[in-house]
């Protein structure tokens, strides 16, 4: 079995498990951890469906006076757009809400990146939805990277990896922040 087909099978299983167990939780407490509280420019996303909710965390980031960037798909890449919390500045692309407006001119200024994941292993590798958008984006961003997951979505076994997979610095559940050792 190829790495890609193994990942596809795991995605199907993990989506089903998430749907069966989903409970909404707040991740707003992450605004207080040093990597986010000390950052001036933070990239996040707007969650949908059974994903861990980002609405309260994004609101806390904005209340703290930080620059909040959200991703917008552009071909096979993500571009980052500053968002001020106005839902009228969002447009729907299938299930995903994306910001409208100009591209943020200096993505190299991003100090912290909040990333979606279906599972994260104990080495910091994540299994996403399968589009590869975040792995391509993380390759060019030097900020601290944290993935949001529900309780029980930390994998005790290594997830399948490909050469383009980028490890995270940390994973967060509603109750735990797990920081990974640098390889």
N, C-alpha and C. Protein backbone atom coordinates (compact mmCIF):
# COMPACT_ATOMS: atom_id res chain seq x y z
N UNK A 1 0.85 -1.18 0.00
CA UNK A 1 0.00 0.00 0.00
C UNK A 1 0.90 1.24 0.00
N UNK A 2 0.56 2.22 -0.82
CA UNK A 2 1.35 3.44 -0.88
C UNK A 2 1.05 4.33 0.32
N UNK A 3 1.97 5.25 0.60
CA UNK A 3 1.75 6.21 1.70
C UNK A 3 0.45 6.97 1.47
N UNK A 4 0.20 7.39 0.22
CA UNK A 4 -1.00 8.18 -0.07
C UNK A 4 -2.26 7.38 0.17
N UNK A 5 -2.31 6.12 -0.27
CA UNK A 5 -3.53 5.33 -0.05
C UNK A 5 -3.71 5.02 1.43
N UNK A 6 -2.61 4.83 2.16
CA UNK A 6 -2.72 4.62 3.60
C UNK A 6 -3.28 5.88 4.28
N UNK A 7 -2.80 7.05 3.85
CA UNK A 7 -3.31 8.31 4.40
C UNK A 7 -4.79 8.47 4.08
N UNK A 8 -5.20 8.13 2.87
CA UNK A 8 -6.61 8.26 2.49
C UNK A 8 -7.50 7.37 3.35
N UNK A 9 -7.06 6.15 3.61
CA UNK A 9 -7.83 5.25 4.48
C UNK A 9 -7.94 5.80 5.90
N UNK A 10 -6.82 6.32 6.41
CA UNK A 10 -6.84 6.91 7.76
C UNK A 10 -7.75 8.13 7.81
N UNK A 11 -7.71 8.98 6.79
CA UNK A 11 -8.59 10.16 6.77
C UNK A 11 -10.05 9.76 6.88
N UNK A 12 -10.44 8.75 6.10
CA UNK A 12 -11.83 8.28 6.14
C UNK A 12 -12.18 7.80 7.54
N UNK A 13 -11.32 6.99 8.13
CA UNK A 13 -11.56 6.48 9.49
C UNK A 13 -11.63 7.61 10.51
N UNK A 14 -10.66 8.52 10.46
CA UNK A 14 -10.60 9.60 11.45
C UNK A 14 -11.76 10.59 11.30
N UNK A 15 -12.19 10.85 10.07
CA UNK A 15 -13.37 11.72 9.89
C UNK A 15 -14.60 11.08 10.52
N UNK A 16 -14.77 9.77 10.31
CA UNK A 16 -15.91 9.05 10.89
C UNK A 16 -15.84 9.10 12.42
N UNK A 17 -14.67 8.80 12.98
CA UNK A 17 -14.52 8.83 14.44
C UNK A 17 -14.80 10.22 14.99
N UNK A 18 -14.29 11.25 14.31
CA UNK A 18 -14.52 12.63 14.77
C UNK A 18 -16.01 12.94 14.75
N UNK A 19 -16.68 12.57 13.70
CA UNK A 19 -18.11 12.86 13.58
C UNK A 19 -18.90 12.16 14.68
N UNK A 20 -18.51 10.94 15.01
CA UNK A 20 -19.21 10.18 16.05
C UNK A 20 -19.01 10.77 17.44
N UNK A 21 -17.86 11.41 17.67
CA UNK A 21 -17.52 11.87 19.03
C UNK A 21 -17.52 13.39 19.19
N UNK A 22 -17.82 14.14 18.16
CA UNK A 22 -17.65 15.59 18.20
C UNK A 22 -18.46 16.25 19.32
N UNK A 23 -17.77 17.07 20.08
CA UNK A 23 -18.39 17.99 21.03
C UNK A 23 -17.70 19.33 20.85
N UNK A 24 -18.45 20.41 20.82
CA UNK A 24 -17.79 21.71 20.66
C UNK A 24 -17.02 22.10 21.92
N UNK A 25 -15.81 22.57 21.73
CA UNK A 25 -14.95 23.02 22.82
C UNK A 25 -14.37 24.37 22.44
N UNK A 26 -14.01 25.14 23.43
CA UNK A 26 -13.34 26.41 23.19
C UNK A 26 -11.82 26.22 23.24
N UNK A 27 -11.14 26.91 22.38
CA UNK A 27 -9.68 26.93 22.38
C UNK A 27 -9.17 28.34 22.70
N UNK A 28 -10.02 29.18 23.26
CA UNK A 28 -9.64 30.58 23.54
C UNK A 28 -8.47 30.68 24.52
N UNK A 29 -8.28 29.66 25.37
CA UNK A 29 -7.16 29.68 26.32
C UNK A 29 -5.80 29.73 25.63
N UNK A 30 -5.75 29.34 24.36
CA UNK A 30 -4.47 29.37 23.64
C UNK A 30 -3.97 30.79 23.42
N UNK A 31 -4.86 31.77 23.48
CA UNK A 31 -4.44 33.17 23.32
C UNK A 31 -3.49 33.59 24.44
N UNK A 32 -3.49 32.84 25.55
CA UNK A 32 -2.65 33.19 26.70
C UNK A 32 -1.29 32.52 26.71
N UNK A 33 -1.06 31.53 25.85
CA UNK A 33 0.25 30.88 25.87
C UNK A 33 1.28 31.83 25.23
N UNK A 34 2.54 31.78 25.68
CA UNK A 34 3.54 32.76 25.25
C UNK A 34 3.73 32.84 23.74
N UNK A 35 3.69 31.72 23.06
CA UNK A 35 3.94 31.73 21.61
C UNK A 35 2.88 32.53 20.86
N UNK A 36 1.68 32.59 21.41
CA UNK A 36 0.61 33.36 20.77
C UNK A 36 0.47 34.74 21.42
N UNK A 37 0.53 34.81 22.74
CA UNK A 37 0.34 36.11 23.41
C UNK A 37 1.45 37.09 23.06
N UNK A 38 2.65 36.61 22.77
CA UNK A 38 3.76 37.50 22.44
C UNK A 38 3.88 37.78 20.94
N UNK A 39 3.14 37.06 20.12
CA UNK A 39 3.19 37.27 18.67
C UNK A 39 2.36 38.48 18.28
N UNK A 40 2.80 39.18 17.26
CA UNK A 40 2.04 40.33 16.74
C UNK A 40 1.20 39.94 15.53
N UNK A 41 1.71 39.00 14.72
CA UNK A 41 1.02 38.56 13.51
C UNK A 41 0.78 37.05 13.64
N UNK A 42 -0.51 36.66 13.59
CA UNK A 42 -0.90 35.27 13.80
C UNK A 42 -1.77 34.81 12.64
N UNK A 43 -1.46 33.64 12.10
CA UNK A 43 -2.29 33.02 11.07
C UNK A 43 -3.17 31.98 11.74
N UNK A 44 -4.44 31.99 11.42
CA UNK A 44 -5.38 31.03 11.95
C UNK A 44 -6.27 30.57 10.80
N UNK A 45 -7.43 30.06 11.10
CA UNK A 45 -8.39 29.64 10.08
C UNK A 45 -9.78 29.69 10.70
N UNK A 46 -10.79 29.59 9.88
CA UNK A 46 -12.17 29.51 10.37
C UNK A 46 -12.59 28.06 10.25
N UNK A 47 -12.87 27.46 11.38
CA UNK A 47 -13.23 26.04 11.40
C UNK A 47 -14.62 25.83 10.82
N UNK A 48 -14.87 24.60 10.38
CA UNK A 48 -16.19 24.23 9.88
C UNK A 48 -16.50 22.79 10.28
N UNK A 49 -17.76 22.46 10.26
CA UNK A 49 -18.17 21.09 10.54
C UNK A 49 -17.71 20.62 11.91
N UNK A 50 -17.05 19.47 11.94
CA UNK A 50 -16.61 18.84 13.18
C UNK A 50 -15.21 19.27 13.61
N UNK A 51 -14.61 20.23 12.93
CA UNK A 51 -13.27 20.68 13.31
C UNK A 51 -13.32 21.37 14.68
N UNK A 52 -12.20 21.35 15.40
CA UNK A 52 -12.14 22.13 16.64
C UNK A 52 -12.46 23.60 16.33
N UNK A 53 -13.30 24.19 17.16
CA UNK A 53 -13.78 25.56 16.92
C UNK A 53 -12.69 26.60 17.12
N UNK A 54 -12.55 27.47 16.15
CA UNK A 54 -11.57 28.55 16.23
C UNK A 54 -12.21 29.91 16.50
N UNK A 55 -13.53 29.99 16.51
CA UNK A 55 -14.18 31.31 16.61
C UNK A 55 -13.80 32.07 17.87
N UNK A 56 -13.81 31.42 19.03
CA UNK A 56 -13.46 32.11 20.27
C UNK A 56 -11.98 32.49 20.31
N UNK A 57 -11.12 31.61 19.84
CA UNK A 57 -9.69 31.90 19.80
C UNK A 57 -9.41 33.07 18.86
N UNK A 58 -10.01 33.06 17.68
CA UNK A 58 -9.81 34.17 16.75
C UNK A 58 -10.30 35.49 17.35
N UNK A 59 -11.42 35.45 18.06
CA UNK A 59 -11.94 36.67 18.70
C UNK A 59 -10.97 37.17 19.77
N UNK A 60 -10.38 36.26 20.55
CA UNK A 60 -9.41 36.66 21.57
C UNK A 60 -8.17 37.29 20.94
N UNK A 61 -7.72 36.74 19.85
CA UNK A 61 -6.56 37.28 19.14
C UNK A 61 -6.85 38.71 18.68
N UNK A 62 -8.03 38.91 18.13
CA UNK A 62 -8.40 40.26 17.68
C UNK A 62 -8.56 41.22 18.86
N UNK A 63 -9.17 40.76 19.95
CA UNK A 63 -9.34 41.62 21.14
C UNK A 63 -7.98 42.06 21.70
N UNK A 64 -6.97 41.23 21.52
CA UNK A 64 -5.64 41.56 22.02
C UNK A 64 -4.90 42.54 21.09
N UNK A 65 -5.56 42.94 20.01
CA UNK A 65 -4.97 43.92 19.11
C UNK A 65 -3.93 43.36 18.15
N UNK A 66 -3.96 42.08 17.93
CA UNK A 66 -2.99 41.44 17.04
C UNK A 66 -3.50 41.44 15.60
N UNK A 67 -2.60 41.25 14.66
CA UNK A 67 -2.98 41.08 13.27
C UNK A 67 -3.34 39.61 13.07
N UNK A 68 -4.57 39.37 12.65
CA UNK A 68 -5.06 38.01 12.41
C UNK A 68 -5.16 37.79 10.91
N UNK A 69 -4.46 36.77 10.43
CA UNK A 69 -4.50 36.42 9.02
C UNK A 69 -5.26 35.11 8.87
N UNK A 70 -6.06 35.03 7.82
CA UNK A 70 -6.79 33.81 7.48
C UNK A 70 -6.35 33.35 6.10
N UNK A 71 -6.41 32.04 5.85
CA UNK A 71 -6.00 31.55 4.54
C UNK A 71 -7.11 31.67 3.50
N UNK A 72 -6.65 31.82 2.27
CA UNK A 72 -7.55 31.78 1.12
C UNK A 72 -6.86 30.92 0.06
N UNK A 73 -7.60 29.97 -0.49
CA UNK A 73 -7.02 29.09 -1.50
C UNK A 73 -6.83 29.86 -2.81
N UNK A 74 -5.66 29.65 -3.39
CA UNK A 74 -5.33 30.25 -4.67
C UNK A 74 -4.63 29.18 -5.50
N UNK A 75 -5.39 28.52 -6.35
CA UNK A 75 -4.83 27.37 -7.07
C UNK A 75 -4.53 26.27 -6.08
N UNK A 76 -3.25 25.85 -6.00
CA UNK A 76 -2.86 24.80 -5.06
C UNK A 76 -2.19 25.37 -3.81
N UNK A 77 -2.17 26.68 -3.68
CA UNK A 77 -1.49 27.33 -2.56
C UNK A 77 -2.47 28.09 -1.68
N UNK A 78 -1.98 28.47 -0.50
CA UNK A 78 -2.73 29.35 0.39
C UNK A 78 -2.11 30.73 0.31
N UNK A 79 -2.97 31.74 0.30
CA UNK A 79 -2.50 33.11 0.47
C UNK A 79 -3.14 33.62 1.75
N UNK A 80 -2.51 34.59 2.40
CA UNK A 80 -2.94 35.06 3.71
C UNK A 80 -3.53 36.45 3.59
N UNK A 81 -4.70 36.62 4.22
CA UNK A 81 -5.45 37.87 4.15
C UNK A 81 -5.76 38.32 5.57
N UNK A 82 -5.51 39.60 5.86
CA UNK A 82 -5.83 40.12 7.19
C UNK A 82 -7.34 40.19 7.35
N UNK A 83 -7.80 39.80 8.54
CA UNK A 83 -9.23 39.80 8.83
C UNK A 83 -9.47 40.52 10.15
N UNK A 84 -10.51 41.34 10.19
CA UNK A 84 -10.81 42.13 11.38
C UNK A 84 -12.00 41.60 12.18
N UNK A 85 -12.50 40.43 11.82
CA UNK A 85 -13.62 39.84 12.53
C UNK A 85 -14.97 40.10 11.89
N UNK A 86 -15.01 40.92 10.83
CA UNK A 86 -16.26 41.23 10.15
C UNK A 86 -16.66 40.07 9.25
N UNK A 87 -17.75 39.40 9.60
CA UNK A 87 -18.19 38.24 8.82
C UNK A 87 -18.62 38.62 7.41
N UNK A 88 -18.91 39.91 7.17
CA UNK A 88 -19.23 40.35 5.81
C UNK A 88 -18.01 40.33 4.90
N UNK A 89 -16.82 40.17 5.50
CA UNK A 89 -15.59 40.09 4.70
C UNK A 89 -15.17 38.64 4.47
N UNK A 90 -16.13 37.75 4.55
CA UNK A 90 -15.88 36.33 4.29
C UNK A 90 -16.75 35.87 3.14
N UNK A 91 -16.23 34.96 2.37
CA UNK A 91 -17.00 34.36 1.30
C UNK A 91 -16.91 32.85 1.42
N UNK A 92 -17.92 32.15 0.97
CA UNK A 92 -17.97 30.70 1.12
C UNK A 92 -17.43 30.02 -0.13
N UNK A 93 -16.45 29.14 0.08
CA UNK A 93 -15.92 28.28 -0.98
C UNK A 93 -16.25 26.85 -0.56
N UNK A 94 -17.35 26.33 -1.05
CA UNK A 94 -17.89 25.04 -0.62
C UNK A 94 -18.17 25.11 0.88
N UNK A 95 -17.47 24.30 1.70
CA UNK A 95 -17.73 24.31 3.15
C UNK A 95 -16.88 25.33 3.89
N UNK A 96 -15.93 25.92 3.21
CA UNK A 96 -14.91 26.74 3.87
C UNK A 96 -15.21 28.23 3.70
N UNK A 97 -15.11 28.98 4.81
CA UNK A 97 -15.22 30.43 4.74
C UNK A 97 -13.82 31.01 4.55
N UNK A 98 -13.69 31.89 3.56
CA UNK A 98 -12.40 32.51 3.26
C UNK A 98 -12.55 34.02 3.28
N UNK A 99 -11.46 34.72 3.64
CA UNK A 99 -11.52 36.17 3.68
C UNK A 99 -11.45 36.78 2.30
N UNK A 100 -12.08 37.93 2.15
CA UNK A 100 -11.93 38.72 0.93
C UNK A 100 -10.92 39.81 1.23
N UNK A 101 -10.46 40.48 0.23
CA UNK A 101 -9.52 41.57 0.44
C UNK A 101 -8.14 41.25 -0.08
N UNK A 102 -7.24 42.21 0.09
CA UNK A 102 -5.89 42.04 -0.47
C UNK A 102 -5.05 41.03 0.32
N UNK A 103 -4.09 40.44 -0.36
CA UNK A 103 -3.15 39.52 0.25
C UNK A 103 -2.26 40.30 1.21
N UNK A 104 -1.99 39.72 2.37
CA UNK A 104 -1.08 40.34 3.33
C UNK A 104 0.31 40.42 2.69
N UNK A 105 0.93 41.61 2.70
CA UNK A 105 2.16 41.79 1.92
C UNK A 105 3.40 41.07 2.46
N UNK A 106 3.45 40.76 3.76
CA UNK A 106 4.67 40.18 4.33
C UNK A 106 4.39 38.92 5.14
N UNK A 107 4.09 37.79 4.49
CA UNK A 107 3.83 36.57 5.26
C UNK A 107 5.03 36.13 6.09
N UNK A 108 6.21 36.64 5.80
CA UNK A 108 7.39 36.30 6.62
C UNK A 108 7.26 36.87 8.03
N UNK A 109 6.33 37.79 8.26
CA UNK A 109 6.09 38.37 9.59
C UNK A 109 5.25 37.48 10.48
N UNK A 110 4.66 36.41 9.92
CA UNK A 110 3.80 35.53 10.72
C UNK A 110 4.65 34.85 11.78
N UNK A 111 4.27 35.05 13.05
CA UNK A 111 5.04 34.51 14.17
C UNK A 111 4.43 33.23 14.75
N UNK A 112 3.12 33.04 14.56
CA UNK A 112 2.44 31.85 15.06
C UNK A 112 1.39 31.44 14.03
N UNK A 113 1.29 30.13 13.81
CA UNK A 113 0.36 29.59 12.82
C UNK A 113 -0.49 28.52 13.49
N UNK A 114 -1.80 28.71 13.46
CA UNK A 114 -2.76 27.76 14.01
C UNK A 114 -3.28 26.93 12.84
N UNK A 115 -3.11 25.61 12.95
CA UNK A 115 -3.29 24.72 11.82
C UNK A 115 -4.36 23.67 12.13
N UNK A 116 -5.24 23.37 11.16
CA UNK A 116 -6.20 22.28 11.37
C UNK A 116 -5.53 20.92 11.18
N UNK A 117 -6.08 19.90 11.82
CA UNK A 117 -5.56 18.54 11.68
C UNK A 117 -6.65 17.54 12.05
N UNK A 118 -6.60 16.37 11.42
CA UNK A 118 -7.46 15.26 11.82
C UNK A 118 -6.82 14.45 12.93
N UNK A 119 -5.50 14.30 12.87
CA UNK A 119 -4.71 13.59 13.87
C UNK A 119 -3.32 14.20 13.88
N UNK A 120 -2.66 14.08 15.00
CA UNK A 120 -1.26 14.51 15.14
C UNK A 120 -0.55 13.43 15.92
N UNK A 121 0.64 13.04 15.44
CA UNK A 121 1.38 12.02 16.18
C UNK A 121 2.34 12.68 17.17
N UNK A 122 2.99 11.87 17.97
CA UNK A 122 3.84 12.39 19.06
C UNK A 122 5.16 12.99 18.58
N UNK A 123 5.39 12.97 17.28
CA UNK A 123 6.55 13.65 16.71
C UNK A 123 6.15 14.98 16.07
N UNK A 124 4.85 15.29 16.10
CA UNK A 124 4.38 16.56 15.56
C UNK A 124 3.90 16.51 14.13
N UNK A 125 3.86 15.32 13.54
CA UNK A 125 3.36 15.22 12.18
C UNK A 125 1.85 15.12 12.20
N UNK A 126 1.21 15.82 11.28
CA UNK A 126 -0.24 15.88 11.25
C UNK A 126 -0.78 15.19 10.02
N UNK A 127 -2.00 14.74 10.14
CA UNK A 127 -2.76 14.26 9.00
C UNK A 127 -3.86 15.27 8.80
N UNK A 128 -3.84 15.94 7.66
CA UNK A 128 -4.85 16.94 7.35
C UNK A 128 -5.94 16.35 6.47
N UNK A 129 -6.65 17.23 5.78
CA UNK A 129 -7.77 16.80 4.95
C UNK A 129 -7.32 16.22 3.61
N UNK A 130 -6.06 16.41 3.23
CA UNK A 130 -5.57 15.74 2.03
C UNK A 130 -5.26 16.64 0.86
N UNK A 131 -5.50 17.93 0.98
CA UNK A 131 -5.21 18.82 -0.14
C UNK A 131 -3.76 19.26 -0.21
N UNK A 132 -3.02 19.13 0.89
CA UNK A 132 -1.62 19.52 0.91
C UNK A 132 -1.39 21.02 1.04
N UNK A 133 -2.46 21.80 1.20
CA UNK A 133 -2.35 23.26 1.27
C UNK A 133 -1.44 23.71 2.42
N UNK A 134 -1.67 23.14 3.59
CA UNK A 134 -0.90 23.59 4.75
C UNK A 134 0.55 23.14 4.67
N UNK A 135 0.82 21.94 4.18
CA UNK A 135 2.22 21.52 4.05
C UNK A 135 2.96 22.44 3.08
N UNK A 136 2.32 22.81 1.97
CA UNK A 136 2.97 23.74 1.03
C UNK A 136 3.17 25.10 1.68
N UNK A 137 2.21 25.56 2.46
CA UNK A 137 2.33 26.87 3.11
C UNK A 137 3.38 26.85 4.22
N UNK A 138 3.36 25.80 5.05
CA UNK A 138 4.29 25.73 6.18
C UNK A 138 5.74 25.65 5.72
N UNK A 139 5.97 25.13 4.53
CA UNK A 139 7.32 25.05 3.99
C UNK A 139 7.95 26.45 3.89
N UNK A 140 7.12 27.49 3.70
CA UNK A 140 7.62 28.85 3.50
C UNK A 140 7.44 29.76 4.71
N UNK A 141 6.76 29.27 5.75
CA UNK A 141 6.51 30.09 6.93
C UNK A 141 7.40 29.62 8.08
N UNK A 142 8.01 30.56 8.75
CA UNK A 142 8.97 30.21 9.82
C UNK A 142 8.37 30.34 11.21
N UNK A 143 7.11 30.74 11.32
CA UNK A 143 6.49 30.93 12.63
C UNK A 143 6.28 29.62 13.38
N UNK A 144 5.97 29.76 14.67
CA UNK A 144 5.67 28.63 15.55
C UNK A 144 4.34 28.03 15.11
N UNK A 145 4.26 26.70 14.99
CA UNK A 145 3.11 26.01 14.41
C UNK A 145 2.43 25.11 15.44
N UNK A 146 1.11 25.33 15.62
CA UNK A 146 0.33 24.50 16.55
C UNK A 146 -0.92 23.98 15.84
N UNK A 147 -1.19 22.69 16.00
CA UNK A 147 -2.37 22.07 15.41
C UNK A 147 -3.46 21.89 16.45
N UNK A 148 -4.69 22.12 16.05
CA UNK A 148 -5.84 21.96 16.94
C UNK A 148 -6.52 20.63 16.66
N UNK A 149 -6.75 19.87 17.73
CA UNK A 149 -7.42 18.59 17.61
C UNK A 149 -8.35 18.40 18.81
N UNK A 150 -9.26 17.47 18.66
CA UNK A 150 -10.15 17.10 19.76
C UNK A 150 -9.42 16.14 20.71
N UNK A 151 -9.94 15.97 21.93
CA UNK A 151 -9.36 14.97 22.82
C UNK A 151 -9.31 13.61 22.10
N UNK A 152 -8.34 12.82 22.40
CA UNK A 152 -8.16 11.48 21.82
C UNK A 152 -7.71 11.49 20.36
N UNK A 153 -7.29 12.64 19.83
CA UNK A 153 -6.83 12.67 18.45
C UNK A 153 -5.30 12.80 18.35
N UNK A 154 -4.62 12.57 19.46
CA UNK A 154 -3.16 12.43 19.42
C UNK A 154 -2.90 10.96 19.15
N UNK A 155 -2.14 10.67 18.13
CA UNK A 155 -1.87 9.28 17.76
C UNK A 155 -0.65 8.77 18.51
N UNK A 156 -0.80 7.61 19.13
CA UNK A 156 0.32 6.97 19.80
C UNK A 156 1.27 6.31 18.82
N UNK A 157 0.81 6.12 17.60
CA UNK A 157 1.65 5.54 16.54
C UNK A 157 2.00 6.62 15.54
N UNK A 158 3.16 6.46 14.91
CA UNK A 158 3.55 7.42 13.88
C UNK A 158 2.54 7.39 12.74
N UNK A 159 2.17 8.57 12.27
CA UNK A 159 1.31 8.67 11.10
C UNK A 159 2.17 8.47 9.85
N UNK A 160 1.57 8.03 8.76
CA UNK A 160 2.34 7.91 7.53
C UNK A 160 2.90 9.28 7.13
N UNK A 161 4.14 9.29 6.64
CA UNK A 161 4.79 10.56 6.29
C UNK A 161 5.32 10.49 4.87
N UNK A 162 5.29 11.66 4.26
CA UNK A 162 5.91 11.83 2.96
C UNK A 162 6.95 12.93 3.09
N UNK A 163 7.83 13.06 2.11
CA UNK A 163 8.93 14.01 2.23
C UNK A 163 8.44 15.46 2.38
N UNK A 164 7.27 15.78 1.86
CA UNK A 164 6.76 17.16 1.94
C UNK A 164 6.04 17.47 3.26
N UNK A 165 5.81 16.46 4.10
CA UNK A 165 5.10 16.69 5.37
C UNK A 165 5.97 17.50 6.32
N UNK A 166 5.40 18.52 6.91
CA UNK A 166 6.11 19.44 7.80
C UNK A 166 5.59 19.21 9.23
N UNK A 167 6.49 18.94 10.20
CA UNK A 167 6.03 18.73 11.58
C UNK A 167 5.63 20.04 12.24
N UNK A 168 4.75 19.92 13.21
CA UNK A 168 4.31 21.07 14.00
C UNK A 168 5.20 21.19 15.24
N UNK A 169 5.14 22.36 15.88
CA UNK A 169 5.84 22.56 17.14
C UNK A 169 5.01 22.09 18.33
N UNK A 170 3.68 22.06 18.14
CA UNK A 170 2.80 21.70 19.26
C UNK A 170 1.44 21.26 18.73
N UNK A 171 0.71 20.57 19.60
CA UNK A 171 -0.68 20.20 19.35
C UNK A 171 -1.48 20.66 20.56
N UNK A 172 -2.73 21.05 20.32
CA UNK A 172 -3.59 21.48 21.42
C UNK A 172 -4.93 20.78 21.34
N UNK A 173 -5.36 20.27 22.48
CA UNK A 173 -6.73 19.82 22.68
C UNK A 173 -7.36 20.90 23.57
N UNK A 174 -8.63 20.79 23.90
CA UNK A 174 -9.21 21.78 24.80
C UNK A 174 -8.54 21.82 26.18
N UNK A 175 -7.88 20.72 26.57
CA UNK A 175 -7.30 20.65 27.92
C UNK A 175 -5.78 20.55 27.97
N UNK A 176 -5.14 20.19 26.87
CA UNK A 176 -3.71 19.89 26.90
C UNK A 176 -2.99 20.57 25.75
N UNK A 177 -1.80 21.07 26.03
CA UNK A 177 -0.89 21.53 24.98
C UNK A 177 0.33 20.62 25.04
N UNK A 178 0.59 19.97 23.93
CA UNK A 178 1.72 19.05 23.83
C UNK A 178 2.75 19.69 22.91
N UNK A 179 3.91 20.04 23.49
CA UNK A 179 4.99 20.63 22.72
C UNK A 179 5.94 19.51 22.29
N UNK A 180 6.36 19.56 21.03
CA UNK A 180 7.20 18.51 20.48
C UNK A 180 8.65 18.93 20.50
N UNK A 181 9.51 17.96 20.76
CA UNK A 181 10.96 18.22 20.70
C UNK A 181 11.34 18.43 19.25
N UNK A 182 12.27 19.33 19.03
CA UNK A 182 12.74 19.53 17.66
C UNK A 182 13.59 18.35 17.25
N UNK A 183 13.39 17.94 16.00
CA UNK A 183 14.15 16.79 15.48
C UNK A 183 15.57 17.20 15.14
